[in-house]
Amino acid sequence: MRQSIGLTFGATALATLLLSGVVQAGDDVTEVEMRDYEYHPAELEVTAGATVRWVNAEKRTSHDVYFADEDQGSERLFPGESWERTFDEPGTYSYHCRPHENRDMEGVITVVPAE
């Protein structure tokens, strides 16, 4: 009986994290899901030195992560694939999905100095 309660609690906690769109995946790695033609969360604040991992959680659609101000980003990510970037400098980093610009698929990473 205890094992079943523990699994239920664990599944509930994981579901809560996934629904919030942010899952801490280790030391200074934060995940952003790409689903329903949106980034979840669309706005994120991290400290300098943190890594963000974008994960395509769609069933059939590919997306990318493109930083137009820097002319750099990921290749197309198919369902289940991911891409990471480490943010060393404080600042505001806007990005979007090139294949789905017409859907306003956009996000912002705000990097604050590490204390």
PDB file of N, CA and C in Angstrom:
ATOM      1  N   MET A   1       0.825  -1.192   0.000  1.00  0.00           N
ATOM      2  CA  MET A   1       0.000   0.000   0.000  1.00  0.00           C
ATOM      3  C   MET A   1       0.863   1.247   0.000  1.00  0.00           C
ATOM      4  N   ARG A   2       1.928   1.276   0.774  1.00  0.00           N
ATOM      5  CA  ARG A   2       2.800   2.446   0.822  1.00  0.00           C
ATOM      6  C   ARG A   2       3.419   2.735  -0.542  1.00  0.00           C
ATOM      7  N   GLN A   3       3.804   1.691  -1.242  1.00  0.00           N
ATOM      8  CA  GLN A   3       4.425   1.885  -2.550  1.00  0.00           C
ATOM      9  C   GLN A   3       3.447   2.576  -3.496  1.00  0.00           C
ATOM     10  N   SER A   4       2.213   2.182  -3.506  1.00  0.00           N
ATOM     11  CA  SER A   4       1.206   2.784  -4.371  1.00  0.00           C
ATOM     12  C   SER A   4       0.995   4.256  -4.029  1.00  0.00           C
ATOM     13  N   ILE A   5       0.980   4.602  -2.747  1.00  0.00           N
ATOM     14  CA  ILE A   5       0.832   6.000  -2.341  1.00  0.00           C
ATOM     15  C   ILE A   5       2.028   6.804  -2.812  1.00  0.00           C
ATOM     16  N   GLY A   6       3.233   6.262  -2.655  1.00  0.00           N
ATOM     17  CA  GLY A   6       4.449   6.950  -3.099  1.00  0.00           C
ATOM     18  C   GLY A   6       4.448   7.183  -4.596  1.00  0.00           C
ATOM     19  N   LEU A   7       4.005   6.191  -5.368  1.00  0.00           N
ATOM     20  CA  LEU A   7       3.959   6.353  -6.823  1.00  0.00           C
ATOM     21  C   LEU A   7       2.929   7.398  -7.217  1.00  0.00           C
ATOM     22  N   THR A   8       1.797   7.401  -6.531  1.00  0.00           N
ATOM     23  CA  THR A   8       0.772   8.400  -6.828  1.00  0.00           C
ATOM     24  C   THR A   8       1.289   9.790  -6.531  1.00  0.00           C
ATOM     25  N   PHE A   9       1.925   9.980  -5.392  1.00  0.00           N
ATOM     26  CA  PHE A   9       2.481  11.280  -5.035  1.00  0.00           C
ATOM     27  C   PHE A   9       3.541  11.703  -6.042  1.00  0.00           C
ATOM     28  N   GLY A  10       4.435  10.764  -6.395  1.00  0.00           N
ATOM     29  CA  GLY A  10       5.488  11.067  -7.360  1.00  0.00           C
ATOM     30  C   GLY A  10       4.927  11.449  -8.716  1.00  0.00           C
ATOM     31  N   ALA A  11       3.921  10.730  -9.173  1.00  0.00           N
ATOM     32  CA  ALA A  11       3.293  11.036 -10.463  1.00  0.00           C
ATOM     33  C   ALA A  11       2.601  12.387 -10.409  1.00  0.00           C
ATOM     34  N   THR A  12       1.960  12.692  -9.279  1.00  0.00           N
ATOM     35  CA  THR A  12       1.285  13.987  -9.130  1.00  0.00           C
ATOM     36  C   THR A  12       2.301  15.118  -9.140  1.00  0.00           C
ATOM     37  N   ALA A  13       3.396  14.956  -8.426  1.00  0.00           N
ATOM     38  CA  ALA A  13       4.432  15.992  -8.398  1.00  0.00           C
ATOM     39  C   ALA A  13       5.024  16.207  -9.789  1.00  0.00           C
ATOM     40  N   LEU A  14       5.291  15.131 -10.506  1.00  0.00           N
ATOM     41  CA  LEU A  14       5.836  15.246 -11.859  1.00  0.00           C
ATOM     42  C   LEU A  14       4.833  15.925 -12.784  1.00  0.00           C
ATOM     43  N   ALA A  15       3.569  15.548 -12.689  1.00  0.00           N
ATOM     44  CA  ALA A  15       2.537  16.170 -13.529  1.00  0.00           C
ATOM     45  C   ALA A  15       2.450  17.661 -13.253  1.00  0.00           C
ATOM     46  N   THR A  16       2.551  18.067 -11.985  1.00  0.00           N
ATOM     47  CA  THR A  16       2.511  19.485 -11.636  1.00  0.00           C
ATOM     48  C   THR A  16       3.674  20.216 -12.271  1.00  0.00           C
ATOM     49  N   LEU A  17       4.863  19.649 -12.206  1.00  0.00           N
ATOM     50  CA  LEU A  17       6.030  20.279 -12.828  1.00  0.00           C
ATOM     51  C   LEU A  17       5.873  20.369 -14.333  1.00  0.00           C
ATOM     52  N   LEU A  18       5.391  19.316 -14.960  1.00  0.00           N
ATOM     53  CA  LEU A  18       5.232  19.328 -16.410  1.00  0.00           C
ATOM     54  C   LEU A  18       4.180  20.329 -16.840  1.00  0.00           C
ATOM     55  N   LEU A  19       3.099  20.442 -16.109  1.00  0.00           N
ATOM     56  CA  LEU A  19       2.058  21.402 -16.459  1.00  0.00           C
ATOM     57  C   LEU A  19       2.541  22.829 -16.301  1.00  0.00           C
ATOM     58  N   SER A  20       3.472  23.072 -15.382  1.00  0.00           N
ATOM     59  CA  SER A  20       3.996  24.423 -15.212  1.00  0.00           C
ATOM     60  C   SER A  20       4.922  24.794 -16.362  1.00  0.00           C
ATOM     61  N   GLY A  21       5.422  23.790 -17.110  1.00  0.00           N
ATOM     62  CA  GLY A  21       6.280  24.061 -18.254  1.00  0.00           C
ATOM     63  C   GLY A  21       7.743  24.160 -17.906  1.00  0.00           C
ATOM     64  N   VAL A  22       8.067  24.094 -16.628  1.00  0.00           N
ATOM     65  CA  VAL A  22       9.463  24.201 -16.215  1.00  0.00           C
ATOM     66  C   VAL A  22       9.806  22.994 -15.373  1.00  0.00           C
ATOM     67  N   VAL A  23      10.843  22.280 -15.774  1.00  0.00           N
ATOM     68  CA  VAL A  23      11.312  21.152 -14.995  1.00  0.00           C
ATOM     69  C   VAL A  23      12.797  21.341 -14.771  1.00  0.00           C
ATOM     70  N   GLN A  24      13.205  21.396 -13.540  1.00  0.00           N
ATOM     71  CA  GLN A  24      14.632  21.478 -13.250  1.00  0.00           C
ATOM     72  C   GLN A  24      15.234  20.116 -13.544  1.00  0.00           C
ATOM     73  N   ALA A  25      16.215  20.086 -14.422  1.00  0.00           N
ATOM     74  CA  ALA A  25      16.771  18.815 -14.864  1.00  0.00           C
ATOM     75  C   ALA A  25      18.203  18.626 -14.386  1.00  0.00           C
ATOM     76  N   GLY A  26      18.519  19.123 -13.226  1.00  0.00           N
ATOM     77  CA  GLY A  26      19.869  18.979 -12.715  1.00  0.00           C
ATOM     78  C   GLY A  26      20.417  20.353 -12.373  1.00  0.00           C
ATOM     79  N   ASP A  27      21.735  20.440 -12.216  1.00  0.00           N
ATOM     80  CA  ASP A  27      22.368  21.696 -11.857  1.00  0.00           C
ATOM     81  C   ASP A  27      22.235  22.712 -12.971  1.00  0.00           C
ATOM     82  N   ASP A  28      21.441  23.743 -12.707  1.00  0.00           N
ATOM     83  CA  ASP A  28      21.297  24.873 -13.619  1.00  0.00           C
ATOM     84  C   ASP A  28      20.845  24.500 -15.031  1.00  0.00           C
ATOM     85  N   VAL A  29      20.046  23.461 -15.179  1.00  0.00           N
ATOM     86  CA  VAL A  29      19.437  23.136 -16.474  1.00  0.00           C
ATOM     87  C   VAL A  29      17.931  23.243 -16.298  1.00  0.00           C
ATOM     88  N   THR A  30      17.312  24.069 -17.127  1.00  0.00           N
ATOM     89  CA  THR A  30      15.870  24.261 -17.076  1.00  0.00           C
ATOM     90  C   THR A  30      15.291  23.872 -18.419  1.00  0.00           C
ATOM     91  N   GLU A  31      14.202  23.125 -18.410  1.00  0.00           N
ATOM     92  CA  GLU A  31      13.585  22.685 -19.656  1.00  0.00           C
ATOM     93  C   GLU A  31      12.406  23.567 -20.038  1.00  0.00           C
ATOM     94  N   VAL A  32      12.305  23.823 -21.332  1.00  0.00           N
ATOM     95  CA  VAL A  32      11.170  24.513 -21.923  1.00  0.00           C
ATOM     96  C   VAL A  32      10.562  23.534 -22.918  1.00  0.00           C
ATOM     97  N   GLU A  33       9.282  23.270 -22.762  1.00  0.00           N
ATOM     98  CA  GLU A  33       8.604  22.364 -23.690  1.00  0.00           C
ATOM     99  C   GLU A  33       8.055  23.132 -24.879  1.00  0.00           C
ATOM    100  N   MET A  34       8.136  22.507 -26.034  1.00  0.00           N
ATOM    101  CA  MET A  34       7.492  23.017 -27.236  1.00  0.00           C
ATOM    102  C   MET A  34       6.287  22.121 -27.472  1.00  0.00           C
ATOM    103  N   ARG A  35       5.083  22.688 -27.238  1.00  0.00           N
ATOM    104  CA  ARG A  35       3.849  21.926 -27.438  1.00  0.00           C
ATOM    105  C   ARG A  35       2.714  22.887 -27.745  1.00  0.00           C
ATOM    106  N   ASP A  36       1.762  22.393 -28.505  1.00  0.00           N
ATOM    107  CA  ASP A  36       0.602  23.196 -28.899  1.00  0.00           C
ATOM    108  C   ASP A  36       1.029  24.485 -29.599  1.00  0.00           C
ATOM    109  N   TYR A  37       2.130  24.413 -30.358  1.00  0.00           N
ATOM    110  CA  TYR A  37       2.667  25.551 -31.108  1.00  0.00           C
ATOM    111  C   TYR A  37       2.997  26.734 -30.197  1.00  0.00           C
ATOM    112  N   GLU A  38       3.510  26.418 -29.004  1.00  0.00           N
ATOM    113  CA  GLU A  38       3.953  27.428 -28.051  1.00  0.00           C
ATOM    114  C   GLU A  38       5.147  26.891 -27.281  1.00  0.00           C
ATOM    115  N   TYR A  39       5.912  27.815 -26.698  1.00  0.00           N
ATOM    116  CA  TYR A  39       6.967  27.454 -25.756  1.00  0.00           C
ATOM    117  C   TYR A  39       6.351  27.541 -24.361  1.00  0.00           C
ATOM    118  N   HIS A  40       6.621  26.528 -23.537  1.00  0.00           N
ATOM    119  CA  HIS A  40       6.085  26.491 -22.170  1.00  0.00           C
ATOM    120  C   HIS A  40       7.235  26.354 -21.188  1.00  0.00           C
ATOM    121  N   PRO A  41       7.580  27.398 -20.437  1.00  0.00           N
ATOM    122  CA  PRO A  41       6.999  28.723 -20.436  1.00  0.00           C
ATOM    123  C   PRO A  41       7.556  29.576 -21.577  1.00  0.00           C
ATOM    124  N   ALA A  42       6.810  30.587 -21.974  1.00  0.00           N
ATOM    125  CA  ALA A  42       7.244  31.486 -23.046  1.00  0.00           C
ATOM    126  C   ALA A  42       8.243  32.511 -22.528  1.00  0.00           C
ATOM    127  N   GLU A  43       8.170  32.837 -21.240  1.00  0.00           N
ATOM    128  CA  GLU A  43       9.111  33.762 -20.609  1.00  0.00           C
ATOM    129  C   GLU A  43       9.768  33.056 -19.449  1.00  0.00           C
ATOM    130  N   LEU A  44      11.093  33.184 -19.386  1.00  0.00           N
ATOM    131  CA  LEU A  44      11.856  32.457 -18.381  1.00  0.00           C
ATOM    132  C   LEU A  44      12.997  33.335 -17.901  1.00  0.00           C
ATOM    133  N   GLU A  45      13.251  33.326 -16.600  1.00  0.00           N
ATOM    134  CA  GLU A  45      14.391  34.036 -16.029  1.00  0.00           C
ATOM    135  C   GLU A  45      15.354  33.015 -15.439  1.00  0.00           C
ATOM    136  N   VAL A  46      16.637  33.130 -15.815  1.00  0.00           N
ATOM    137  CA  VAL A  46      17.675  32.230 -15.312  1.00  0.00           C
ATOM    138  C   VAL A  46      18.882  33.070 -14.897  1.00  0.00           C
ATOM    139  N   THR A  47      19.759  32.471 -14.111  1.00  0.00           N
ATOM    140  CA  THR A  47      20.990  33.165 -13.732  1.00  0.00           C
ATOM    141  C   THR A  47      22.081  32.872 -14.752  1.00  0.00           C
ATOM    142  N   ALA A  48      23.024  33.799 -14.872  1.00  0.00           N
ATOM    143  CA  ALA A  48      24.140  33.617 -15.797  1.00  0.00           C
ATOM    144  C   ALA A  48      24.833  32.293 -15.511  1.00  0.00           C
ATOM    145  N   GLY A  49      25.149  31.575 -16.558  1.00  0.00           N
ATOM    146  CA  GLY A  49      25.771  30.260 -16.440  1.00  0.00           C
ATOM    147  C   GLY A  49      24.782  29.116 -16.539  1.00  0.00           C
ATOM    148  N   ALA A  50      23.491  29.429 -16.533  1.00  0.00           N
ATOM    149  CA  ALA A  50      22.463  28.394 -16.604  1.00  0.00           C
ATOM    150  C   ALA A  50      22.300  27.891 -18.031  1.00  0.00           C
ATOM    151  N   THR A  51      21.866  26.660 -18.132  1.00  0.00           N
ATOM    152  CA  THR A  51      21.586  26.037 -19.427  1.00  0.00           C
ATOM    153  C   THR A  51      20.087  25.844 -19.546  1.00  0.00           C
ATOM    154  N   VAL A  52      19.569  26.169 -20.729  1.00  0.00           N
ATOM    155  CA  VAL A  52      18.163  25.937 -21.027  1.00  0.00           C
ATOM    156  C   VAL A  52      18.098  24.838 -22.077  1.00  0.00           C
ATOM    157  N   ARG A  53      17.216  23.880 -21.850  1.00  0.00           N
ATOM    158  CA  ARG A  53      17.015  22.779 -22.797  1.00  0.00           C
ATOM    159  C   ARG A  53      15.591  22.870 -23.333  1.00  0.00           C
ATOM    160  N   TRP A  54      15.464  23.004 -24.644  1.00  0.00           N
ATOM    161  CA  TRP A  54      14.156  23.002 -25.294  1.00  0.00           C
ATOM    162  C   TRP A  54      13.857  21.587 -25.744  1.00  0.00           C
ATOM    163  N   VAL A  55      12.675  21.088 -25.423  1.00  0.00           N
ATOM    164  CA  VAL A  55      12.273  19.726 -25.756  1.00  0.00           C
ATOM    165  C   VAL A  55      11.000  19.786 -26.590  1.00  0.00           C
ATOM    166  N   ASN A  56      11.007  19.142 -27.744  1.00  0.00           N
ATOM    167  CA  ASN A  56       9.807  19.086 -28.582  1.00  0.00           C
ATOM    168  C   ASN A  56       8.886  18.005 -28.021  1.00  0.00           C
ATOM    169  N   ALA A  57       7.764  18.446 -27.432  1.00  0.00           N
ATOM    170  CA  ALA A  57       6.795  17.524 -26.835  1.00  0.00           C
ATOM    171  C   ALA A  57       5.571  17.321 -27.726  1.00  0.00           C
ATOM    172  N   GLU A  58       5.680  17.737 -28.987  1.00  0.00           N
ATOM    173  CA  GLU A  58       4.581  17.541 -29.930  1.00  0.00           C
ATOM    174  C   GLU A  58       4.531  16.075 -30.350  1.00  0.00           C
ATOM    175  N   LYS A  59       3.431  15.676 -30.971  1.00  0.00           N
ATOM    176  CA  LYS A  59       3.310  14.308 -31.467  1.00  0.00           C
ATOM    177  C   LYS A  59       3.767  14.182 -32.918  1.00  0.00           C
ATOM    178  N   ARG A  60       3.595  15.264 -33.717  1.00  0.00           N
ATOM    179  CA  ARG A  60       3.900  15.150 -35.150  1.00  0.00           C
ATOM    180  C   ARG A  60       4.674  16.322 -35.731  1.00  0.00           C
ATOM    181  N   THR A  61       4.759  17.420 -35.037  1.00  0.00           N
ATOM    182  CA  THR A  61       5.270  18.664 -35.609  1.00  0.00           C
ATOM    183  C   THR A  61       6.711  18.935 -35.198  1.00  0.00           C
ATOM    184  N   SER A  62       7.501  19.463 -36.121  1.00  0.00           N
ATOM    185  CA  SER A  62       8.860  19.884 -35.788  1.00  0.00           C
ATOM    186  C   SER A  62       8.865  21.384 -35.501  1.00  0.00           C
ATOM    187  N   HIS A  63       9.790  21.795 -34.650  1.00  0.00           N
ATOM    188  CA  HIS A  63       9.974  23.198 -34.281  1.00  0.00           C
ATOM    189  C   HIS A  63      11.468  23.480 -34.251  1.00  0.00           C
ATOM    190  N   ASP A  64      11.822  24.760 -34.139  1.00  0.00           N
ATOM    191  CA  ASP A  64      13.205  25.124 -33.864  1.00  0.00           C
ATOM    192  C   ASP A  64      13.219  26.243 -32.842  1.00  0.00           C
ATOM    193  N   VAL A  65      14.427  26.633 -32.451  1.00  0.00           N
ATOM    194  CA  VAL A  65      14.650  27.737 -31.522  1.00  0.00           C
ATOM    195  C   VAL A  65      15.630  28.650 -32.232  1.00  0.00           C
ATOM    196  N   TYR A  66      15.193  29.869 -32.582  1.00  0.00           N
ATOM    197  CA  TYR A  66      16.028  30.755 -33.383  1.00  0.00           C
ATOM    198  C   TYR A  66      16.129  32.128 -32.728  1.00  0.00           C
ATOM    199  N   PHE A  67      17.361  32.556 -32.476  1.00  0.00           N
ATOM    200  CA  PHE A  67      17.654  33.864 -31.900  1.00  0.00           C
ATOM    201  C   PHE A  67      18.019  34.801 -33.047  1.00  0.00           C
ATOM    202  N   ALA A  68      17.030  35.574 -33.531  1.00  0.00           N
ATOM    203  CA  ALA A  68      17.218  36.420 -34.715  1.00  0.00           C
ATOM    204  C   ALA A  68      18.294  37.478 -34.500  1.00  0.00           C
ATOM    205  N   ASP A  69      18.376  38.074 -33.294  1.00  0.00           N
ATOM    206  CA  ASP A  69      19.374  39.114 -33.029  1.00  0.00           C
ATOM    207  C   ASP A  69      20.797  38.596 -33.180  1.00  0.00           C
ATOM    208  N   GLU A  70      20.984  37.309 -33.008  1.00  0.00           N
ATOM    209  CA  GLU A  70      22.315  36.707 -33.085  1.00  0.00           C
ATOM    210  C   GLU A  70      22.479  35.833 -34.326  1.00  0.00           C
ATOM    211  N   ASP A  71      21.404  35.666 -35.080  1.00  0.00           N
ATOM    212  CA  ASP A  71      21.396  34.802 -36.260  1.00  0.00           C
ATOM    213  C   ASP A  71      21.950  33.418 -35.930  1.00  0.00           C
ATOM    214  N   GLN A  72      21.414  32.831 -34.858  1.00  0.00           N
ATOM    215  CA  GLN A  72      21.823  31.482 -34.477  1.00  0.00           C
ATOM    216  C   GLN A  72      20.675  30.757 -33.790  1.00  0.00           C
ATOM    217  N   GLY A  73      20.771  29.448 -33.763  1.00  0.00           N
ATOM    218  CA  GLY A  73      19.752  28.652 -33.100  1.00  0.00           C
ATOM    219  C   GLY A  73      19.896  27.190 -33.434  1.00  0.00           C
ATOM    220  N   SER A  74      18.833  26.469 -33.178  1.00  0.00           N
ATOM    221  CA  SER A  74      18.839  25.023 -33.381  1.00  0.00           C
ATOM    222  C   SER A  74      18.433  24.671 -34.808  1.00  0.00           C
ATOM    223  N   GLU A  75      18.676  23.443 -35.140  1.00  0.00           N
ATOM    224  CA  GLU A  75      18.080  22.858 -36.337  1.00  0.00           C
ATOM    225  C   GLU A  75      16.635  22.540 -35.987  1.00  0.00           C
ATOM    226  N   ARG A  76      15.879  22.046 -36.952  1.00  0.00           N
ATOM    227  CA  ARG A  76      14.510  21.599 -36.642  1.00  0.00           C
ATOM    228  C   ARG A  76      14.583  20.438 -35.664  1.00  0.00           C
ATOM    229  N   LEU A  77      13.747  20.511 -34.655  1.00  0.00           N
ATOM    230  CA  LEU A  77      13.672  19.458 -33.642  1.00  0.00           C
ATOM    231  C   LEU A  77      12.381  18.684 -33.853  1.00  0.00           C
ATOM    232  N   PHE A  78      12.519  17.399 -34.057  1.00  0.00           N
ATOM    233  CA  PHE A  78      11.358  16.544 -34.260  1.00  0.00           C
ATOM    234  C   PHE A  78      10.872  16.027 -32.904  1.00  0.00           C
ATOM    235  N   PRO A  79       9.661  15.487 -32.821  1.00  0.00           N
ATOM    236  CA  PRO A  79       9.129  15.029 -31.543  1.00  0.00           C
ATOM    237  C   PRO A  79      10.127  14.170 -30.758  1.00  0.00           C
ATOM    238  N   GLY A  80      10.306  14.551 -29.487  1.00  0.00           N
ATOM    239  CA  GLY A  80      11.223  13.835 -28.604  1.00  0.00           C
ATOM    240  C   GLY A  80      12.644  14.355 -28.633  1.00  0.00           C
ATOM    241  N   GLU A  81      13.001  15.189 -29.607  1.00  0.00           N
ATOM    242  CA  GLU A  81      14.354  15.731 -29.685  1.00  0.00           C
ATOM    243  C   GLU A  81      14.478  16.993 -28.843  1.00  0.00           C
ATOM    244  N   SER A  82      15.733  17.323 -28.491  1.00  0.00           N
ATOM    245  CA  SER A  82      15.970  18.509 -27.677  1.00  0.00           C
ATOM    246  C   SER A  82      17.229  19.232 -28.142  1.00  0.00           C
ATOM    247  N   TRP A  83      17.376  20.466 -27.670  1.00  0.00           N
ATOM    248  CA  TRP A  83      18.531  21.310 -27.971  1.00  0.00           C
ATOM    249  C   TRP A  83      18.806  22.166 -26.755  1.00  0.00           C
ATOM    250  N   GLU A  84      20.083  22.412 -26.461  1.00  0.00           N
ATOM    251  CA  GLU A  84      20.470  23.176 -25.275  1.00  0.00           C
ATOM    252  C   GLU A  84      21.316  24.377 -25.644  1.00  0.00           C
ATOM    253  N   ARG A  85      21.224  25.397 -24.783  1.00  0.00           N
ATOM    254  CA  ARG A  85      22.095  26.562 -24.897  1.00  0.00           C
ATOM    255  C   ARG A  85      22.403  27.035 -23.490  1.00  0.00           C
ATOM    256  N   THR A  86      23.677  27.366 -23.245  1.00  0.00           N
ATOM    257  CA  THR A  86      24.103  27.935 -21.975  1.00  0.00           C
ATOM    258  C   THR A  86      24.198  29.439 -22.134  1.00  0.00           C
ATOM    259  N   PHE A  87      23.639  30.156 -21.175  1.00  0.00           N
ATOM    260  CA  PHE A  87      23.608  31.617 -21.205  1.00  0.00           C
ATOM    261  C   PHE A  87      24.610  32.148 -20.182  1.00  0.00           C
ATOM    262  N   ASP A  88      25.760  32.633 -20.670  1.00  0.00           N
ATOM    263  CA  ASP A  88      26.817  33.119 -19.782  1.00  0.00           C
ATOM    264  C   ASP A  88      26.710  34.599 -19.478  1.00  0.00           C
ATOM    265  N   GLU A  89      26.105  35.378 -20.366  1.00  0.00           N
ATOM    266  CA  GLU A  89      26.037  36.824 -20.208  1.00  0.00           C
ATOM    267  C   GLU A  89      24.629  37.283 -19.830  1.00  0.00           C
ATOM    268  N   PRO A  90      24.520  38.161 -18.826  1.00  0.00           N
ATOM    269  CA  PRO A  90      23.212  38.726 -18.503  1.00  0.00           C
ATOM    270  C   PRO A  90      22.640  39.486 -19.708  1.00  0.00           C
ATOM    271  N   GLY A  91      21.328  39.466 -19.827  1.00  0.00           N
ATOM    272  CA  GLY A  91      20.662  40.169 -20.915  1.00  0.00           C
ATOM    273  C   GLY A  91      19.315  39.543 -21.206  1.00  0.00           C
ATOM    274  N   THR A  92      18.689  40.065 -22.248  1.00  0.00           N
ATOM    275  CA  THR A  92      17.394  39.561 -22.682  1.00  0.00           C
ATOM    276  C   THR A  92      17.565  38.927 -24.050  1.00  0.00           C
ATOM    277  N   TYR A  93      17.143  37.685 -24.190  1.00  0.00           N
ATOM    278  CA  TYR A  93      17.328  36.912 -25.405  1.00  0.00           C
ATOM    279  C   TYR A  93      15.958  36.491 -25.948  1.00  0.00           C
ATOM    280  N   SER A  94      15.523  37.163 -27.006  1.00  0.00           N
ATOM    281  CA  SER A  94      14.251  36.818 -27.648  1.00  0.00           C
ATOM    282  C   SER A  94      14.494  35.753 -28.701  1.00  0.00           C
ATOM    283  N   TYR A  95      13.541  34.850 -28.839  1.00  0.00           N
ATOM    284  CA  TYR A  95      13.665  33.788 -29.841  1.00  0.00           C
ATOM    285  C   TYR A  95      12.302  33.442 -30.393  1.00  0.00           C
ATOM    286  N   HIS A  96      12.299  32.715 -31.487  1.00  0.00           N
ATOM    287  CA  HIS A  96      11.039  32.273 -32.086  1.00  0.00           C
ATOM    288  C   HIS A  96      11.276  30.993 -32.885  1.00  0.00           C
ATOM    289  N   CYS A  97      10.177  30.407 -33.329  1.00  0.00           N
ATOM    290  CA  CYS A  97      10.218  29.208 -34.166  1.00  0.00           C
ATOM    291  C   CYS A  97      10.068  29.663 -35.614  1.00  0.00           C
ATOM    292  N   ARG A  98      11.087  29.442 -36.426  1.00  0.00           N
ATOM    293  CA  ARG A  98      11.023  29.883 -37.827  1.00  0.00           C
ATOM    294  C   ARG A  98       9.913  29.190 -38.614  1.00  0.00           C
ATOM    295  N   PRO A  99       9.711  27.881 -38.469  1.00  0.00           N
ATOM    296  CA  PRO A  99       8.624  27.264 -39.241  1.00  0.00           C
ATOM    297  C   PRO A  99       7.228  27.756 -38.835  1.00  0.00           C
ATOM    298  N   HIS A 100       7.099  28.328 -37.635  1.00  0.00           N
ATOM    299  CA  HIS A 100       5.772  28.714 -37.161  1.00  0.00           C
ATOM    300  C   HIS A 100       5.710  30.177 -36.735  1.00  0.00           C
ATOM    301  N   GLU A 101       6.406  31.040 -37.461  1.00  0.00           N
ATOM    302  CA  GLU A 101       6.356  32.479 -37.177  1.00  0.00           C
ATOM    303  C   GLU A 101       4.933  33.018 -37.325  1.00  0.00           C
ATOM    304  N   ASN A 102       4.180  32.450 -38.272  1.00  0.00           N
ATOM    305  CA  ASN A 102       2.812  32.920 -38.490  1.00  0.00           C
ATOM    306  C   ASN A 102       1.892  32.597 -37.312  1.00  0.00           C
ATOM    307  N   ARG A 103       2.321  31.729 -36.415  1.00  0.00           N
ATOM    308  CA  ARG A 103       1.526  31.387 -35.220  1.00  0.00           C
ATOM    309  C   ARG A 103       2.021  32.163 -34.003  1.00  0.00           C
ATOM    310  N   ASP A 104       2.932  33.105 -34.213  1.00  0.00           N
ATOM    311  CA  ASP A 104       3.509  33.890 -33.113  1.00  0.00           C
ATOM    312  C   ASP A 104       4.130  33.002 -32.044  1.00  0.00           C
ATOM    313  N   MET A 105       4.837  31.965 -32.471  1.00  0.00           N
ATOM    314  CA  MET A 105       5.518  31.059 -31.541  1.00  0.00           C
ATOM    315  C   MET A 105       6.815  31.742 -31.133  1.00  0.00           C
ATOM    316  N   GLU A 106       6.779  32.428 -29.973  1.00  0.00           N
ATOM    317  CA  GLU A 106       7.897  33.257 -29.511  1.00  0.00           C
ATOM    318  C   GLU A 106       8.183  32.996 -28.041  1.00  0.00           C
ATOM    319  N   GLY A 107       9.423  33.310 -27.642  1.00  0.00           N
ATOM    320  CA  GLY A 107       9.819  33.195 -26.248  1.00  0.00           C
ATOM    321  C   GLY A 107      10.885  34.198 -25.905  1.00  0.00           C
ATOM    322  N   VAL A 108      11.121  34.373 -24.594  1.00  0.00           N
ATOM    323  CA  VAL A 108      12.146  35.298 -24.099  1.00  0.00           C
ATOM    324  C   VAL A 108      12.848  34.648 -22.916  1.00  0.00           C
ATOM    325  N   ILE A 109      14.167  34.696 -22.947  1.00  0.00           N
ATOM    326  CA  ILE A 109      14.978  34.265 -21.818  1.00  0.00           C
ATOM    327  C   ILE A 109      15.617  35.524 -21.239  1.00  0.00           C
ATOM    328  N   THR A 110      15.398  35.783 -19.959  1.00  0.00           N
ATOM    329  CA  THR A 110      16.054  36.899 -19.268  1.00  0.00           C
ATOM    330  C   THR A 110      17.123  36.299 -18.380  1.00  0.00           C
ATOM    331  N   VAL A 111      18.368  36.730 -18.607  1.00  0.00           N
ATOM    332  CA  VAL A 111      19.500  36.212 -17.844  1.00  0.00           C
ATOM    333  C   VAL A 111      19.954  37.292 -16.875  1.00  0.00           C
ATOM    334  N   VAL A 112      19.922  36.947 -15.589  1.00  0.00           N
ATOM    335  CA  VAL A 112      20.344  37.882 -14.539  1.00  0.00           C
ATOM    336  C   VAL A 112      21.708  37.445 -14.011  1.00  0.00           C
ATOM    337  N   PRO A 113      22.492  38.409 -13.479  1.00  0.00           N
ATOM    338  CA  PRO A 113      23.820  38.057 -12.966  1.00  0.00           C
ATOM    339  C   PRO A 113      23.740  37.029 -11.835  1.00  0.00           C
ATOM    340  N   ALA A 114      24.711  36.151 -11.808  1.00  0.00           N
ATOM    341  CA  ALA A 114      24.807  35.181 -10.713  1.00  0.00           C
ATOM    342  C   ALA A 114      25.294  35.920  -9.471  1.00  0.00           C
ATOM    343  N   GLU A 115      24.763  35.552  -8.333  1.00  0.00           N
ATOM    344  CA  GLU A 115      25.152  36.239  -7.083  1.00  0.00           C
ATOM    345  C   GLU A 115      26.281  35.533  -6.415  1.00  0.00           C
TER     346      GLU A 115
END
